Amino acid sequence: MDRETVSEIVRHSLNEAFAALHGRGAGAGEWTREIKTQLCVAGAAQEPPLYVCASGVEAADSVEWLYDVCWLRYGEANPLTVAHADPGLDCLNEAVLILECEWADGGMDPGRIRDDFQKLLVGRARVRCTIWEDDKGEDDPAVAEWLVGMMSECLETAPDDFYLLARYTDRGFQYWHLHGNATVYPM
């Protein structure tokens, strides 16, 4: 599954969450749970199914693992380490998606968005995604530009890194693709 496909599946899942909750007065907890549920169902629906991690979601294979949502692909167990590992877990081959979701009942919190994004900066995955709630209006790219700046300053950033930025407003999600070479593509 290539990066564009992962991004498309995530965007579809977020749009499904928006359709399910928009206009219903849902709080931060409900939005977070619905987003995680949609993403866990989507990850498990891939062929072969991805191992999905998220806390507080029945559709997850496991609780939160480092990030709010992870899509992981496992391979065969390594015979050299199997004696020391949980016998039910094989070797982790790839993190397909790592995702952080910052939702606050009190409005946008730049400090928490920064902290979540910095976790993604040091992670390795085919697609890294950050989602935040923003009440500034549909066409305000300020946070996206700020995240681009943080990514550009990170010494661990590689030119082929790929991020999906998803900003929620009361009109729906606004998306950008961000590449490690500081190229930004509005969606």
Protein backbone atom coordinates (compact mmCIF):
# COMPACT_ATOMS: atom_id res chain seq x y z
CA MET A 1 0.00 0.00 0.00
CA ASP A 2 1.62 3.26 -1.09
CA ARG A 3 1.55 6.54 0.85
CA GLU A 4 -1.14 8.12 -1.30
CA THR A 5 -3.43 5.15 -0.67
CA VAL A 6 -2.83 5.32 3.09
CA SER A 7 -3.56 9.06 2.99
CA GLU A 8 -6.74 8.50 1.00
CA ILE A 9 -7.99 5.86 3.47
CA VAL A 10 -7.27 8.15 6.43
CA ARG A 11 -9.02 11.11 4.77
CA HIS A 12 -12.05 8.92 3.98
CA SER A 13 -12.15 7.73 7.61
CA LEU A 14 -12.00 11.30 8.92
CA ASN A 15 -14.76 12.38 6.55
CA GLU A 16 -16.86 9.45 7.84
CA ALA A 17 -16.28 10.62 11.42
CA PHE A 18 -17.33 14.14 10.41
CA ALA A 19 -20.52 12.81 8.79
CA ALA A 20 -21.33 10.78 11.90
CA LEU A 21 -20.87 13.58 14.47
CA HIS A 22 -21.12 16.99 12.79
CA GLY A 23 -23.90 19.12 14.20
CA ARG A 24 -24.61 16.76 17.11
CA GLY A 25 -22.85 18.77 19.82
CA ALA A 26 -20.27 16.03 20.38
CA GLY A 27 -17.47 16.79 22.82
CA ALA A 28 -13.74 16.19 22.45
CA GLY A 29 -13.96 12.65 23.84
CA GLU A 30 -16.69 11.63 21.39
CA TRP A 31 -14.79 13.08 18.42
CA THR A 32 -11.56 11.33 19.44
CA ARG A 33 -13.33 8.00 19.95
CA GLU A 34 -15.16 8.23 16.61
CA ILE A 35 -11.98 9.15 14.73
CA LYS A 36 -10.08 6.27 16.35
CA THR A 37 -12.95 3.85 15.63
CA GLN A 38 -13.14 4.82 11.95
CA LEU A 39 -9.36 4.47 11.59
CA CYS A 40 -9.24 1.11 13.39
CA VAL A 41 -12.01 -0.31 11.22
CA ALA A 42 -10.24 0.98 8.09
CA GLY A 43 -6.86 -0.49 9.09
CA ALA A 44 -8.36 -3.88 9.87
CA ALA A 45 -10.20 -3.86 6.51
CA GLN A 46 -6.95 -3.81 4.51
CA GLU A 47 -5.72 -6.96 2.82
CA PRO A 48 -3.90 -8.41 4.60
CA PRO A 49 -5.42 -6.79 7.70
CA LEU A 50 -3.18 -4.39 9.55
CA TYR A 51 -2.67 -4.71 13.30
CA VAL A 52 -4.33 -1.61 14.74
CA CYS A 53 -3.58 -0.02 18.10
CA ALA A 54 -5.70 2.59 19.88
CA SER A 55 -7.00 2.95 23.41
CA GLY A 56 -10.70 3.03 24.21
CA VAL A 57 -11.82 1.51 20.90
CA GLU A 58 -13.39 -1.94 20.61
CA ALA A 59 -12.29 -2.22 16.96
CA ALA A 60 -8.59 -2.06 17.95
CA ASP A 61 -6.37 -5.14 18.18
CA SER A 62 -4.45 -3.63 21.09
CA VAL A 63 -4.32 -0.55 23.30
CA GLU A 64 -2.47 2.61 22.32
CA TRP A 65 1.12 1.89 21.32
CA LEU A 66 3.30 5.03 21.36
CA TYR A 67 0.74 7.03 19.32
CA ASP A 68 -3.02 7.61 19.44
CA VAL A 69 -3.49 5.27 16.46
CA CYS A 70 -0.99 2.91 14.79
CA TRP A 71 -1.36 0.62 11.81
CA LEU A 72 1.34 -2.03 12.06
CA ARG A 73 2.40 -4.90 9.83
CA TYR A 74 3.98 -7.95 11.41
CA GLY A 75 5.97 -10.72 9.75
CA GLU A 76 7.42 -14.01 10.86
CA ALA A 77 8.89 -14.31 14.35
CA ASN A 78 12.65 -14.00 14.58
CA PRO A 79 13.90 -17.34 15.98
CA LEU A 80 16.75 -15.56 17.81
CA THR A 81 14.40 -13.38 19.87
CA VAL A 82 11.27 -15.51 20.10
CA ALA A 83 12.35 -17.02 23.44
CA HIS A 84 12.38 -13.55 24.99
CA ALA A 85 9.25 -12.17 23.32
CA ASP A 86 5.55 -12.66 23.81
CA PRO A 87 4.88 -15.86 21.84
CA GLY A 88 1.80 -14.29 20.25
CA LEU A 89 3.70 -11.48 18.59
CA ASP A 90 5.76 -11.84 15.46
CA CYS A 91 8.43 -9.46 14.24
CA LEU A 92 7.31 -5.90 13.57
CA ASN A 93 8.04 -5.24 9.88
CA GLU A 94 6.56 -1.79 9.39
CA ALA A 95 4.60 1.05 10.89
CA VAL A 96 2.22 1.91 8.05
CA LEU A 97 0.56 4.78 9.93
CA ILE A 98 1.27 6.67 13.13
CA LEU A 99 -1.29 9.27 14.08
CA GLU A 100 -1.78 11.86 16.78
CA CYS A 101 -5.14 13.54 17.36
CA GLU A 102 -5.43 16.76 19.37
CA TRP A 103 -8.99 17.63 20.22
CA ALA A 104 -9.88 20.09 22.98
CA ASP A 105 -13.26 21.21 24.28
CA GLY A 106 -11.71 24.60 25.05
CA GLY A 107 -10.52 25.24 21.49
CA MET A 108 -7.15 24.91 19.84
CA ASP A 109 -4.16 24.41 22.18
CA PRO A 110 -0.92 25.20 20.28
CA GLY A 111 1.25 23.65 23.01
CA ARG A 112 -0.50 20.30 22.79
CA ILE A 113 -0.48 20.36 18.98
CA ARG A 114 3.28 21.05 19.10
CA ASP A 115 3.89 18.19 21.56
CA ASP A 116 1.88 15.72 19.46
CA PHE A 117 3.61 16.75 16.22
CA GLN A 118 7.04 16.45 17.80
CA LYS A 119 6.25 12.81 18.62
CA LEU A 120 5.58 12.27 14.91
CA LEU A 121 8.82 14.03 13.93
CA VAL A 122 10.91 11.38 15.69
CA GLY A 123 8.74 8.43 14.61
CA ARG A 124 9.19 6.28 11.55
CA ALA A 125 6.19 5.28 9.45
CA ARG A 126 5.06 5.23 5.86
CA VAL A 127 2.58 8.01 6.73
CA ARG A 128 2.60 10.24 9.79
CA CYS A 129 -0.64 12.07 10.47
CA THR A 130 -1.62 14.83 12.84
CA ILE A 131 -5.20 15.97 13.37
CA TRP A 132 -6.19 19.08 15.26
CA GLU A 133 -9.34 21.04 15.93
CA ASP A 134 -9.26 24.67 14.91
CA ASP A 135 -11.95 27.31 15.16
CA LYS A 136 -10.12 29.99 13.12
CA GLY A 137 -12.09 29.48 9.92
CA GLU A 138 -11.81 27.36 6.78
CA ASP A 139 -8.90 29.09 5.06
CA ASP A 140 -6.47 29.72 7.93
CA PRO A 141 -3.29 27.70 7.20
CA ALA A 142 -1.31 29.19 10.14
CA VAL A 143 -0.94 25.95 12.12
CA ALA A 144 0.00 23.98 8.99
CA GLU A 145 2.71 26.55 8.20
CA TRP A 146 3.95 26.37 11.80
CA LEU A 147 4.18 22.54 11.58
CA VAL A 148 6.13 22.83 8.31
CA GLY A 149 8.58 25.09 10.11
CA MET A 150 9.00 22.61 12.97
CA MET A 151 9.55 19.75 10.53
CA SER A 152 12.15 21.78 8.63
CA GLU A 153 14.09 22.45 11.86
CA CYS A 154 14.13 18.79 12.97
CA LEU A 155 17.53 17.19 12.36
CA GLU A 156 15.92 13.76 11.90
CA THR A 157 13.79 14.88 8.94
CA ALA A 158 14.51 13.03 5.69
CA PRO A 159 13.51 14.29 2.22
CA ASP A 160 11.16 11.35 1.66
CA ASP A 161 9.24 11.75 4.96
CA PHE A 162 5.49 12.01 4.33
CA TYR A 163 2.92 13.63 6.59
CA LEU A 164 -0.81 14.10 6.33
CA LEU A 165 -2.00 17.21 8.17
CA ALA A 166 -5.73 17.29 8.95
CA ARG A 167 -7.32 20.42 10.38
CA TYR A 168 -10.91 20.19 11.62
CA THR A 169 -13.24 23.17 11.40
CA ASP A 170 -17.01 23.26 11.77
CA ARG A 171 -17.19 22.97 7.95
CA GLY A 172 -15.17 19.75 7.77
CA PHE A 173 -11.56 18.71 7.47
CA GLN A 174 -8.92 20.60 5.53
CA TYR A 175 -5.91 18.53 4.42
CA TRP A 176 -2.30 19.04 3.41
CA HIS A 177 0.45 16.62 2.40
CA LEU A 178 3.82 17.60 3.78
CA HIS A 179 7.05 16.11 2.48
CA GLY A 180 10.39 16.10 4.28
CA ASN A 181 11.85 18.45 1.70
CA ALA A 182 9.39 21.10 3.07
CA THR A 183 7.04 20.81 0.09
CA VAL A 184 3.41 21.30 1.10
CA TYR A 185 0.45 20.25 -1.01
CA PRO A 186 -3.04 21.44 -0.03
CA MET A 187 -5.62 18.78 -0.73
